[in-house]
Each structure stands twice: as C-alpha cells, then as structure tokens.
Amino acid sequence: MDIDWAALSSVFGVSLGVSVGLVALFTLGIAGLSRRERAVAQGSGSGALAVTGAYVCFAACAAAVAYGIYLIVA
C-alpha cells in the first residue's frame, strides 16, 4: 500500500487556503457591520457602503459553502 504524498499535500494545501479565505471573508463581513454600528453611534452617516460590503462578504461565504456541499453531494 502506497500513499500518494503529492496528492495528499495538494489536498491539504487547497483545504487550508480555502479555509483561511472563508475565515477572512467572514471577518471582513463582521468588520463591515461593526463599522456601520460605529458610524451610526458617531452620527457620521448610515454606513451603507460598509453594510453592502459586509453583505457581499457573507454572500460569498454562503456561495463557497454551497459550492462545497454541491461538490460533496454530486
């Protein structure tokens, strides 16, 4: 029984990269929502751009998760 170490390391690298990317996107979404809260608290505006960016980040996270589930099911 042989282990294909190149394939194993490739899967590990891609999994690590996608995981870090998803966490970064989710973190940017949370940061966008907190900027909106800060803008409202300071009275400097509604923070509509921050909310839009946060929703885009959350949508990208949801799309990546849905695509992963599609790959597993199909």
Protein backbone atom coordinates (compact mmCIF):
# COMPACT_ATOMS: atom_id res chain seq x y z
CA MET A 1 0.00 0.00 0.00
CA ASP A 2 1.47 3.29 -1.12
CA ILE A 3 0.40 6.78 -0.11
CA ASP A 4 0.40 9.43 -2.81
CA TRP A 5 2.06 12.16 -0.76
CA ALA A 6 1.87 14.72 -3.57
CA ALA A 7 -1.90 14.36 -3.83
CA LEU A 8 -2.28 14.42 -0.05
CA SER A 9 -0.24 17.61 0.26
CA SER A 10 -2.16 19.19 -2.62
CA VAL A 11 -5.50 18.48 -0.94
CA PHE A 12 -4.14 19.79 2.36
CA GLY A 13 -2.86 22.99 0.74
CA VAL A 14 -6.10 23.73 -1.08
CA SER A 15 -8.17 22.97 2.02
CA LEU A 16 -6.01 25.24 4.14
CA GLY A 17 -6.17 28.05 1.59
CA VAL A 18 -9.94 27.87 1.18
CA SER A 19 -10.45 27.70 4.95
CA VAL A 20 -8.29 30.76 5.55
CA GLY A 21 -10.05 32.59 2.72
CA LEU A 22 -13.51 31.85 4.11
CA VAL A 23 -12.50 32.96 7.59
CA ALA A 24 -11.03 36.17 6.14
CA LEU A 25 -14.22 36.89 4.18
CA PHE A 26 -16.39 36.29 7.23
CA THR A 27 -14.11 38.52 9.31
CA LEU A 28 -14.41 41.30 6.73
CA GLY A 29 -18.19 40.95 6.90
CA ILE A 30 -18.19 41.28 10.67
CA ALA A 31 -15.84 44.27 10.44
CA GLY A 32 -18.18 45.93 7.94
CA LEU A 33 -21.14 45.52 10.25
CA SER A 34 -19.18 46.94 13.19
CA ARG A 35 -18.15 49.96 11.08
CA ARG A 36 -21.80 50.62 10.37
CA GLU A 37 -22.57 50.49 14.08
CA ARG A 38 -19.66 52.86 14.78
CA ALA A 39 -20.83 55.29 12.07
CA VAL A 40 -24.37 55.33 13.45
CA ALA A 41 -23.13 55.82 17.01
CA GLN A 42 -20.91 58.74 15.99
CA GLY A 43 -23.63 60.28 13.86
CA SER A 44 -21.33 60.47 10.83
CA GLY A 45 -23.68 58.68 8.44
CA SER A 46 -25.54 55.49 7.85
CA GLY A 47 -22.57 53.34 6.80
CA ALA A 48 -24.42 52.00 3.77
CA LEU A 49 -21.21 51.14 1.94
CA ALA A 50 -19.93 49.14 4.91
CA VAL A 51 -23.19 47.20 5.14
CA THR A 52 -23.17 46.50 1.40
CA GLY A 53 -19.60 45.22 1.62
CA ALA A 54 -20.48 43.07 4.61
CA TYR A 55 -23.43 41.52 2.79
CA VAL A 56 -21.25 40.82 -0.24
CA CYS A 57 -18.71 39.07 2.00
CA PHE A 58 -21.43 37.00 3.67
CA ALA A 59 -22.93 36.10 0.29
CA ALA A 60 -19.52 34.98 -0.97
CA CYS A 61 -19.11 32.80 2.13
CA ALA A 62 -22.53 31.26 1.62
CA ALA A 63 -21.78 30.64 -2.07
CA ALA A 64 -18.48 28.93 -1.24
CA VAL A 65 -20.16 26.70 1.34
CA ALA A 66 -22.99 25.86 -1.06
CA TYR A 67 -20.47 25.01 -3.79
CA GLY A 68 -18.58 22.75 -1.38
CA ILE A 69 -21.78 20.94 -0.46
CA TYR A 70 -22.60 20.60 -4.16
CA LEU A 71 -19.19 19.02 -4.79
CA ILE A 72 -19.70 16.54 -1.97
CA VAL A 73 -23.25 15.57 -2.93
CA ALA A 74 -22.70 15.34 -6.69
